[in-house]
N, C-alpha and C. Protein backbone atom coordinates (compact mmCIF):
# COMPACT_ATOMS: atom_id res chain seq x y z
N MET A 1 -23.97 15.78 -4.55
CA MET A 1 -23.27 15.30 -3.34
C MET A 1 -23.45 15.85 -2.11
N SER A 2 -23.90 15.46 -0.80
CA SER A 2 -23.92 15.94 0.24
C SER A 2 -23.07 16.90 0.95
N LEU A 3 -23.13 17.74 1.80
CA LEU A 3 -22.16 18.41 2.44
C LEU A 3 -21.30 17.57 3.32
N LYS A 4 -22.09 16.49 3.95
CA LYS A 4 -21.27 15.64 4.77
C LYS A 4 -20.36 14.83 3.93
N THR A 5 -20.85 14.33 2.68
CA THR A 5 -19.82 13.53 1.96
C THR A 5 -18.74 14.39 1.36
N THR A 6 -19.11 15.47 1.13
CA THR A 6 -17.97 16.43 0.62
C THR A 6 -16.96 16.68 1.77
N LEU A 7 -17.31 17.07 2.87
CA LEU A 7 -16.33 17.12 3.95
C LEU A 7 -15.43 15.96 4.16
N TYR A 8 -16.24 14.68 4.18
CA TYR A 8 -15.53 13.65 4.45
C TYR A 8 -14.44 13.37 3.48
N ALA A 9 -14.87 13.59 2.12
CA ALA A 9 -13.91 13.38 0.77
C ALA A 9 -12.65 14.39 1.16
N GLY A 10 -12.93 15.48 1.66
CA GLY A 10 -11.91 16.57 1.74
C GLY A 10 -10.92 16.08 2.95
N LEU A 11 -11.55 15.64 4.09
CA LEU A 11 -10.49 15.13 5.14
C LEU A 11 -9.77 14.12 4.42
N ILE A 12 -10.22 13.06 3.66
CA ILE A 12 -9.48 12.02 3.23
C ILE A 12 -8.27 12.49 2.37
N ALA A 13 -8.76 13.53 1.58
CA ALA A 13 -7.81 14.07 0.55
C ALA A 13 -6.76 14.80 1.49
N LEU A 14 -7.05 15.56 2.54
CA LEU A 14 -6.04 16.09 3.38
C LEU A 14 -5.10 15.23 4.13
N ALA A 15 -5.66 14.24 4.78
CA ALA A 15 -4.81 13.21 5.36
C ALA A 15 -3.85 12.63 4.21
N SER A 16 -4.38 12.39 2.92
CA SER A 16 -3.53 11.79 2.08
C SER A 16 -2.18 12.60 1.63
N ALA A 17 -2.40 13.83 1.77
CA ALA A 17 -1.21 14.80 1.54
C ALA A 17 -0.20 14.75 2.51
N LEU A 18 -0.21 14.07 3.72
CA LEU A 18 0.92 13.96 4.61
C LEU A 18 1.68 12.82 4.30
N PRO A 19 3.19 13.03 4.50
CA PRO A 19 4.02 11.90 4.17
C PRO A 19 4.12 10.92 5.12
N ALA A 20 4.19 9.57 4.86
CA ALA A 20 4.43 8.56 5.96
C ALA A 20 6.01 8.21 5.81
N MET A 21 6.71 8.36 6.86
CA MET A 21 8.22 8.15 6.86
C MET A 21 8.51 7.43 8.06
N ALA A 22 9.57 6.66 7.90
CA ALA A 22 10.21 5.88 8.83
C ALA A 22 11.92 6.05 8.41
N GLY A 23 12.51 6.90 9.24
CA GLY A 23 14.12 6.90 8.85
C GLY A 23 13.88 7.61 7.46
N ASP A 24 14.72 7.13 6.53
CA ASP A 24 14.85 7.76 5.24
C ASP A 24 13.71 7.08 4.25
N ILE A 25 12.91 6.45 4.65
CA ILE A 25 11.75 5.76 3.91
C ILE A 25 10.47 6.52 3.99
N VAL A 26 10.00 6.64 2.81
CA VAL A 26 8.85 7.47 2.56
C VAL A 26 7.77 6.74 1.61
N VAL A 27 6.56 6.73 2.06
CA VAL A 27 5.57 5.82 1.38
C VAL A 27 4.61 6.87 0.94
N GLU A 28 4.38 6.66 -0.48
CA GLU A 28 3.58 7.44 -1.21
C GLU A 28 2.28 6.79 -1.89
N GLY A 29 1.30 7.42 -2.00
CA GLY A 29 0.10 6.96 -2.73
C GLY A 29 -0.42 5.55 -2.20
N ALA A 30 -0.50 5.34 -0.98
CA ALA A 30 -0.94 3.96 -0.60
C ALA A 30 -2.54 3.99 -0.69
N TYR A 31 -2.97 2.92 -1.24
CA TYR A 31 -4.47 2.55 -1.26
C TYR A 31 -4.45 1.08 -1.29
N ALA A 32 -5.82 0.70 -0.99
CA ALA A 32 -6.22 -0.72 -0.75
C ALA A 32 -7.48 -0.84 -1.91
N ARG A 33 -7.47 -1.94 -2.48
CA ARG A 33 -8.67 -2.18 -3.54
C ARG A 33 -9.82 -2.72 -2.67
N VAL A 34 -10.98 -2.44 -3.22
CA VAL A 34 -12.22 -2.66 -2.63
C VAL A 34 -12.45 -4.33 -2.73
N SER A 35 -13.02 -4.85 -1.89
CA SER A 35 -13.39 -6.36 -2.08
C SER A 35 -14.86 -6.39 -2.04
N SER A 36 -15.28 -7.52 -2.52
CA SER A 36 -16.78 -7.61 -2.53
C SER A 36 -16.98 -8.27 -1.02
N PRO A 37 -18.39 -8.39 -0.56
CA PRO A 37 -18.65 -8.55 0.79
C PRO A 37 -18.33 -10.00 0.91
N MET A 38 -18.21 -10.85 0.24
CA MET A 38 -17.86 -12.35 0.24
C MET A 38 -16.33 -12.62 0.04
N ALA A 39 -15.59 -11.47 -0.29
CA ALA A 39 -13.97 -11.71 -0.49
C ALA A 39 -13.37 -12.30 0.59
N GLN A 40 -12.43 -12.97 0.57
CA GLN A 40 -11.53 -13.52 1.34
C GLN A 40 -10.20 -12.93 1.37
N SER A 41 -9.87 -11.98 0.38
CA SER A 41 -8.74 -11.49 0.18
C SER A 41 -8.63 -10.27 -0.40
N GLY A 42 -7.58 -9.33 -0.11
CA GLY A 42 -7.61 -8.02 -0.75
C GLY A 42 -6.18 -7.67 -0.93
N ALA A 43 -5.86 -6.36 -1.40
CA ALA A 43 -4.55 -6.07 -1.65
C ALA A 43 -4.40 -4.52 -1.49
N ALA A 44 -3.04 -4.21 -1.24
CA ALA A 44 -2.62 -2.70 -0.90
C ALA A 44 -1.47 -2.45 -1.83
N PHE A 45 -1.61 -1.28 -2.39
CA PHE A 45 -0.43 -0.78 -3.29
C PHE A 45 -0.02 0.57 -2.71
N MET A 46 1.22 0.86 -3.30
CA MET A 46 1.96 1.99 -2.84
C MET A 46 3.41 2.19 -3.58
N THR A 47 4.00 3.38 -3.41
CA THR A 47 5.21 3.43 -3.76
C THR A 47 6.15 3.87 -2.63
N LEU A 48 7.22 3.03 -2.48
CA LEU A 48 8.32 3.28 -1.43
C LEU A 48 9.42 3.90 -2.10
N VAL A 49 9.75 4.95 -1.28
CA VAL A 49 10.93 5.77 -1.72
C VAL A 49 12.09 5.75 -0.55
N ASN A 50 13.37 5.45 -0.95
CA ASN A 50 14.30 5.46 0.00
C ASN A 50 15.16 6.78 -0.23
N ASN A 51 15.15 7.62 0.50
CA ASN A 51 16.03 8.81 0.34
C ASN A 51 17.23 8.76 0.88
N GLY A 52 17.52 7.64 1.42
CA GLY A 52 19.08 7.38 2.28
C GLY A 52 20.08 7.02 1.33
N ALA A 53 21.20 6.84 1.94
CA ALA A 53 22.50 6.50 1.18
C ALA A 53 22.74 4.91 1.43
N GLU A 54 21.74 4.10 2.12
CA GLU A 54 22.02 2.82 2.24
C GLU A 54 20.61 2.12 1.76
N ASP A 55 20.98 0.86 1.14
CA ASP A 55 19.97 0.13 0.58
C ASP A 55 18.99 -0.40 1.78
N ASP A 56 17.79 -0.69 1.53
CA ASP A 56 16.79 -1.03 2.44
C ASP A 56 16.04 -2.28 1.92
N ARG A 57 15.07 -2.97 2.67
CA ARG A 57 14.41 -3.87 2.28
C ARG A 57 12.86 -3.88 2.96
N LEU A 58 11.74 -3.96 2.40
CA LEU A 58 10.63 -4.23 2.90
C LEU A 58 10.39 -5.69 3.19
N ILE A 59 10.25 -6.07 4.46
CA ILE A 59 10.40 -7.47 4.76
C ILE A 59 9.18 -8.07 5.32
N ALA A 60 8.29 -7.22 5.69
CA ALA A 60 6.97 -7.94 6.21
C ALA A 60 6.05 -6.59 6.21
N ALA A 61 4.65 -7.15 6.48
CA ALA A 61 3.56 -6.17 6.67
C ALA A 61 2.55 -6.85 7.61
N SER A 62 1.75 -6.03 8.04
CA SER A 62 0.85 -6.74 9.09
C SER A 62 -0.56 -5.81 8.90
N SER A 63 -1.67 -6.14 9.20
CA SER A 63 -2.94 -5.28 9.45
C SER A 63 -4.00 -6.06 10.04
N ASP A 64 -4.76 -5.39 10.70
CA ASP A 64 -5.92 -6.05 11.48
C ASP A 64 -7.03 -6.19 10.62
N ALA A 65 -7.03 -5.75 9.46
CA ALA A 65 -8.04 -6.00 8.43
C ALA A 65 -7.86 -7.39 7.89
N ALA A 66 -6.78 -8.24 8.05
CA ALA A 66 -6.56 -9.58 7.58
C ALA A 66 -5.99 -10.54 8.65
N GLU A 67 -6.29 -11.89 8.31
CA GLU A 67 -5.65 -12.73 9.42
C GLU A 67 -4.03 -12.82 9.16
N ARG A 68 -3.70 -12.74 7.78
CA ARG A 68 -2.37 -12.86 7.39
C ARG A 68 -2.02 -11.75 6.08
N VAL A 69 -0.79 -11.36 6.28
CA VAL A 69 -0.48 -10.25 5.24
C VAL A 69 0.74 -10.81 4.72
N GLU A 70 0.89 -10.86 3.46
CA GLU A 70 2.24 -11.33 2.87
C GLU A 70 2.53 -10.39 1.61
N LEU A 71 3.75 -10.43 1.39
CA LEU A 71 4.34 -9.77 0.27
C LEU A 71 4.35 -10.48 -1.00
N HIS A 72 3.57 -10.04 -2.16
CA HIS A 72 3.31 -10.97 -3.22
C HIS A 72 3.97 -10.16 -4.66
N THR A 73 4.03 -11.15 -5.66
CA THR A 73 4.18 -10.59 -6.95
C THR A 73 3.54 -11.50 -7.91
N HIS A 74 3.69 -11.20 -9.19
CA HIS A 74 3.11 -11.95 -10.29
C HIS A 74 4.34 -12.41 -11.11
N VAL A 75 4.17 -13.73 -11.38
CA VAL A 75 5.36 -14.40 -12.34
C VAL A 75 4.63 -15.09 -13.47
N SER A 76 5.19 -15.12 -14.56
CA SER A 76 4.75 -16.01 -15.73
C SER A 76 5.14 -17.56 -15.49
N ASP A 77 4.19 -18.41 -15.53
CA ASP A 77 4.78 -19.75 -15.30
C ASP A 77 5.13 -20.21 -16.92
N ALA A 78 5.34 -21.64 -16.92
CA ALA A 78 6.21 -22.06 -18.25
C ALA A 78 5.00 -22.01 -19.39
N ASN A 79 3.77 -21.89 -19.16
CA ASN A 79 2.82 -21.87 -20.14
C ASN A 79 2.27 -20.48 -20.36
N GLY A 80 3.09 -19.46 -19.80
CA GLY A 80 2.64 -18.01 -19.95
C GLY A 80 1.67 -17.53 -19.21
N VAL A 81 1.03 -18.51 -18.23
CA VAL A 81 -0.01 -17.89 -17.29
C VAL A 81 0.71 -17.34 -16.15
N MET A 82 -0.08 -15.98 -15.89
CA MET A 82 0.59 -15.21 -14.55
C MET A 82 0.07 -16.12 -13.38
N ARG A 83 0.78 -15.91 -12.45
CA ARG A 83 0.40 -16.51 -11.21
C ARG A 83 0.98 -15.53 -10.03
N MET A 84 0.35 -15.53 -8.98
CA MET A 84 0.62 -14.63 -7.96
C MET A 84 1.41 -15.58 -6.76
N ILE A 85 2.56 -15.29 -6.48
CA ILE A 85 3.33 -15.82 -5.40
C ILE A 85 4.00 -15.00 -4.28
N GLU A 86 4.03 -15.53 -3.14
CA GLU A 86 4.80 -14.85 -2.10
C GLU A 86 6.37 -14.46 -2.35
N VAL A 87 6.56 -13.38 -1.92
CA VAL A 87 8.01 -13.07 -1.90
C VAL A 87 8.45 -12.94 -0.56
N GLU A 88 8.98 -14.17 -0.13
CA GLU A 88 9.47 -14.17 1.33
C GLU A 88 10.81 -13.46 1.66
N GLU A 89 11.68 -13.04 0.62
CA GLU A 89 12.76 -12.23 1.00
C GLU A 89 12.37 -10.90 1.04
N GLY A 90 11.24 -10.41 0.58
CA GLY A 90 10.69 -8.97 0.61
C GLY A 90 11.39 -8.46 -0.33
N PHE A 91 10.92 -7.05 -0.74
CA PHE A 91 11.24 -6.00 -1.77
C PHE A 91 12.35 -5.46 -1.40
N PRO A 92 13.47 -5.45 -2.28
CA PRO A 92 14.58 -4.51 -2.25
C PRO A 92 14.08 -2.96 -2.53
N LEU A 93 14.95 -2.14 -1.69
CA LEU A 93 14.78 -0.55 -1.99
C LEU A 93 15.97 -0.02 -1.98
N PRO A 94 16.53 0.20 -2.99
CA PRO A 94 17.95 0.72 -3.30
C PRO A 94 18.01 2.18 -2.71
N ALA A 95 19.15 2.44 -2.28
CA ALA A 95 19.66 3.80 -1.65
C ALA A 95 19.09 4.99 -2.94
N HIS A 96 18.41 5.86 -2.51
CA HIS A 96 18.09 7.02 -3.41
C HIS A 96 17.23 6.21 -4.49
N GLY A 97 16.52 5.36 -4.25
CA GLY A 97 15.57 4.68 -5.24
C GLY A 97 14.13 4.61 -4.77
N ARG A 98 13.36 4.02 -5.65
CA ARG A 98 11.97 3.60 -5.59
C ARG A 98 11.52 2.37 -5.96
N HIS A 99 10.52 1.96 -5.29
CA HIS A 99 9.94 0.57 -5.66
C HIS A 99 8.48 0.62 -5.67
N GLU A 100 7.85 0.54 -6.79
CA GLU A 100 6.42 0.73 -6.91
C GLU A 100 5.76 -0.80 -6.68
N LEU A 101 4.61 -0.69 -5.81
CA LEU A 101 3.93 -1.79 -5.43
C LEU A 101 2.61 -1.29 -6.20
N ARG A 102 2.20 -2.26 -7.30
CA ARG A 102 1.26 -1.68 -8.21
C ARG A 102 0.53 -3.20 -8.53
N ARG A 103 -0.60 -2.92 -9.05
CA ARG A 103 -1.50 -3.96 -9.62
C ARG A 103 -0.77 -4.55 -10.86
N GLY A 104 -0.99 -5.86 -10.91
CA GLY A 104 -0.13 -6.71 -11.82
C GLY A 104 1.27 -6.99 -11.49
N GLY A 105 1.85 -6.37 -10.47
CA GLY A 105 3.13 -6.62 -10.20
C GLY A 105 3.51 -6.92 -8.50
N ASP A 106 4.21 -6.28 -7.92
CA ASP A 106 4.62 -6.54 -6.52
C ASP A 106 3.45 -5.81 -5.76
N HIS A 107 2.94 -6.43 -4.66
CA HIS A 107 1.96 -5.65 -3.66
C HIS A 107 1.72 -6.25 -2.26
N VAL A 108 1.06 -5.76 -1.40
CA VAL A 108 0.84 -6.22 -0.17
C VAL A 108 -0.36 -7.13 -0.21
N MET A 109 -0.45 -8.44 0.06
CA MET A 109 -1.75 -9.18 -0.11
C MET A 109 -2.29 -9.31 1.11
N LEU A 110 -3.62 -9.05 1.39
CA LEU A 110 -4.39 -9.24 2.72
C LEU A 110 -5.22 -10.49 2.63
N LEU A 111 -4.80 -11.67 3.32
CA LEU A 111 -5.41 -12.85 3.22
C LEU A 111 -6.28 -13.12 4.53
N GLY A 112 -7.46 -13.65 4.39
CA GLY A 112 -8.49 -13.87 5.45
C GLY A 112 -8.86 -12.83 5.90
N LEU A 113 -9.44 -11.75 5.34
CA LEU A 113 -10.04 -10.57 5.56
C LEU A 113 -11.05 -10.73 6.77
N THR A 114 -10.68 -9.77 7.82
CA THR A 114 -11.38 -9.80 9.13
C THR A 114 -12.82 -8.92 8.83
N ARG A 115 -13.10 -8.29 7.94
CA ARG A 115 -14.08 -7.37 7.47
C ARG A 115 -14.10 -7.11 5.98
N PRO A 116 -15.17 -6.72 5.41
CA PRO A 116 -15.28 -6.38 4.02
C PRO A 116 -14.40 -4.88 3.89
N LEU A 117 -13.79 -4.88 2.76
CA LEU A 117 -13.31 -3.47 2.40
C LEU A 117 -14.07 -2.79 1.60
N ASN A 118 -14.66 -1.70 2.06
CA ASN A 118 -15.70 -0.76 1.28
C ASN A 118 -15.16 0.52 0.85
N PRO A 119 -15.57 1.24 -0.15
CA PRO A 119 -14.97 2.32 -0.54
C PRO A 119 -15.16 3.57 0.63
N GLY A 120 -14.06 4.22 0.78
CA GLY A 120 -14.07 5.15 1.81
C GLY A 120 -13.49 4.57 3.18
N ASP A 121 -13.37 3.34 3.33
CA ASP A 121 -12.84 2.69 4.58
C ASP A 121 -11.20 3.04 4.56
N MET A 122 -10.48 3.06 5.73
CA MET A 122 -9.23 3.09 5.80
C MET A 122 -8.88 1.79 6.44
N VAL A 123 -7.55 1.39 5.79
CA VAL A 123 -6.99 0.08 6.15
C VAL A 123 -5.52 0.39 6.79
N ASP A 124 -5.41 -0.06 8.10
CA ASP A 124 -4.29 0.36 8.63
C ASP A 124 -3.38 -0.91 8.40
N LEU A 125 -2.13 -0.40 8.02
CA LEU A 125 -1.13 -1.22 7.72
C LEU A 125 0.12 -0.89 8.37
N THR A 126 0.91 -1.94 8.86
CA THR A 126 2.20 -1.84 9.37
C THR A 126 3.47 -2.46 8.60
N LEU A 127 4.13 -1.48 7.95
CA LEU A 127 5.26 -2.10 7.19
C LEU A 127 6.58 -2.29 7.88
N THR A 128 7.15 -3.35 7.56
CA THR A 128 8.38 -3.50 8.60
C THR A 128 9.59 -3.55 7.38
N PHE A 129 10.52 -2.56 7.57
CA PHE A 129 11.78 -2.52 6.93
C PHE A 129 13.07 -3.23 7.57
N GLU A 130 13.90 -3.66 6.83
CA GLU A 130 15.16 -4.23 7.58
C GLU A 130 15.88 -3.23 8.29
N ARG A 131 16.11 -2.05 7.75
CA ARG A 131 16.96 -0.90 8.35
C ARG A 131 16.07 -0.09 9.11
N ALA A 132 15.05 0.50 8.60
CA ALA A 132 14.18 1.50 8.97
C ALA A 132 13.22 1.36 10.10
N GLY A 133 13.01 0.05 10.05
CA GLY A 133 12.20 -0.40 11.20
C GLY A 133 10.63 -0.46 10.75
N LYS A 134 9.79 -0.22 11.59
CA LYS A 134 8.23 -0.35 11.49
C LYS A 134 7.67 1.15 11.02
N LEU A 135 6.75 1.18 10.10
CA LEU A 135 6.05 2.29 9.72
C LEU A 135 4.53 1.84 9.71
N LYS A 136 3.83 2.72 10.30
CA LYS A 136 2.34 2.46 10.30
C LYS A 136 1.72 3.52 9.28
N ILE A 137 0.85 2.88 8.39
CA ILE A 137 0.35 4.01 7.44
C ILE A 137 -1.19 3.57 7.47
N GLN A 138 -1.95 4.14 6.96
CA GLN A 138 -3.42 4.15 6.69
C GLN A 138 -3.54 4.32 5.07
N ALA A 139 -4.31 3.14 4.44
CA ALA A 139 -4.24 3.21 2.91
C ALA A 139 -5.98 3.29 2.82
N PRO A 140 -6.53 4.31 2.05
CA PRO A 140 -7.78 4.46 1.80
C PRO A 140 -8.22 3.31 0.85
N VAL A 141 -9.39 2.88 1.14
CA VAL A 141 -10.04 1.70 0.36
C VAL A 141 -10.82 2.53 -0.88
N GLU A 142 -10.38 2.00 -2.14
CA GLU A 142 -10.92 2.69 -3.32
C GLU A 142 -11.24 1.66 -4.24
N LYS A 143 -12.37 1.88 -4.95
CA LYS A 143 -13.07 1.09 -5.97
C LYS A 143 -12.07 1.14 -7.47
N VAL A 144 -11.99 2.50 -7.83
CA VAL A 144 -10.89 2.96 -8.87
C VAL A 144 -10.04 4.00 -8.20
N ARG A 145 -8.87 3.76 -8.72
CA ARG A 145 -7.72 4.62 -8.44
C ARG A 145 -7.89 6.00 -9.29
N PRO A 146 -8.30 7.18 -8.69
CA PRO A 146 -8.38 8.29 -9.27
C PRO A 146 -7.09 8.75 -9.98
N SER A 147 -7.14 9.49 -10.90
CA SER A 147 -5.89 10.12 -11.56
C SER A 147 -5.58 11.23 -10.86
N VAL A 148 -4.17 11.29 -10.41
CA VAL A 148 -3.76 12.33 -9.59
C VAL A 148 -2.63 13.09 -10.39
N GLY A 149 -2.66 14.33 -10.54
CA GLY A 149 -1.70 15.00 -11.00
C GLY A 149 -1.25 14.79 -12.48
N GLY A 150 -2.15 14.29 -13.34
CA GLY A 150 -2.12 13.84 -14.60
C GLY A 150 -1.54 12.67 -14.83
N HIS A 151 -1.09 11.74 -13.80
CA HIS A 151 -0.64 10.46 -14.18
C HIS A 151 -1.93 9.57 -14.12
N ALA A 152 -1.88 8.63 -15.01
CA ALA A 152 -2.84 7.75 -15.45
C ALA A 152 -3.51 6.99 -14.30
N GLY A 153 -4.05 7.42 -13.26
CA GLY A 153 -4.57 6.66 -12.32
C GLY A 153 -3.48 5.89 -11.31
N ASN A 154 -2.31 6.01 -11.30
CA ASN A 154 -1.43 5.44 -10.28
C ASN A 154 -1.49 5.99 -8.90
N GLY A 155 -1.55 7.19 -8.83
CA GLY A 155 -1.55 7.99 -7.60
C GLY A 155 -0.31 7.87 -7.02
N ALA A 156 0.68 7.51 -7.69
CA ALA A 156 2.28 7.66 -6.88
C ALA A 156 2.76 8.87 -6.56
N ASP A 157 2.19 10.00 -6.92
CA ASP A 157 2.74 11.41 -6.47
C ASP A 157 1.82 11.81 -5.30
N MET A 158 1.05 10.99 -4.55
CA MET A 158 0.34 11.43 -3.64
C MET A 158 0.81 10.79 -2.15
N PRO A 159 1.59 11.38 -1.41
CA PRO A 159 2.07 10.90 -0.24
C PRO A 159 0.81 10.54 0.71
N MET A 160 1.02 9.23 1.75
CA MET A 160 -0.02 9.28 2.51
C MET A 160 0.46 9.39 4.09
N LYS A 161 -0.53 9.64 4.89
CA LYS A 161 -0.41 9.82 6.25
C LYS A 161 0.13 8.67 6.82
N GLY A 162 0.97 8.65 7.91
CA GLY A 162 1.60 7.61 8.63
C GLY A 162 2.52 8.05 9.75
N HIS A 163 2.98 7.09 10.48
CA HIS A 163 3.84 7.28 11.55
C HIS A 163 4.80 6.42 11.75
N MET A 164 5.83 6.41 12.41
CA MET A 164 6.72 5.30 12.76
C MET A 164 6.10 4.72 14.04
N ALA A 165 6.36 3.43 14.22
CA ALA A 165 5.77 2.61 15.24
C ALA A 165 6.63 2.82 16.47
N GLN A 166 6.19 2.99 17.61
CA GLN A 166 7.13 2.94 18.90
C GLN A 166 7.56 1.44 19.24
């Protein structure tokens, strides 16, 4: 590994250690999945933490990396086949609770990618919460989620850099 690559990886790890917060909401472990050069969609995953005394809800997301961004989940149809669907009402985030956006479950769907998502890139996302408002984060693009702190690759204990939108 070259010195330049090592320094770049260190800077990404350092940025990943900073929390993203809006009001009482903290976003941890955000990352986006690598897409192939021809892919039309991608996804982002993270853990939402509500440290406040009131319930909140993630109601929307946006990104310049995609023409459209939707909140999605997976459901089993009558034949037992898993399908991905949009969750128009958003994801509830209970007071003093967590909501994990992960592969095979709830996630942020990036539709109509404006560019390929390559390992090491950063995806800018703006998350909109019902009470806390807008929160801008950066999610590193990863091919495989590394194990963090002994957890089997979910990275949920790694807060991400971000800031409240003005």
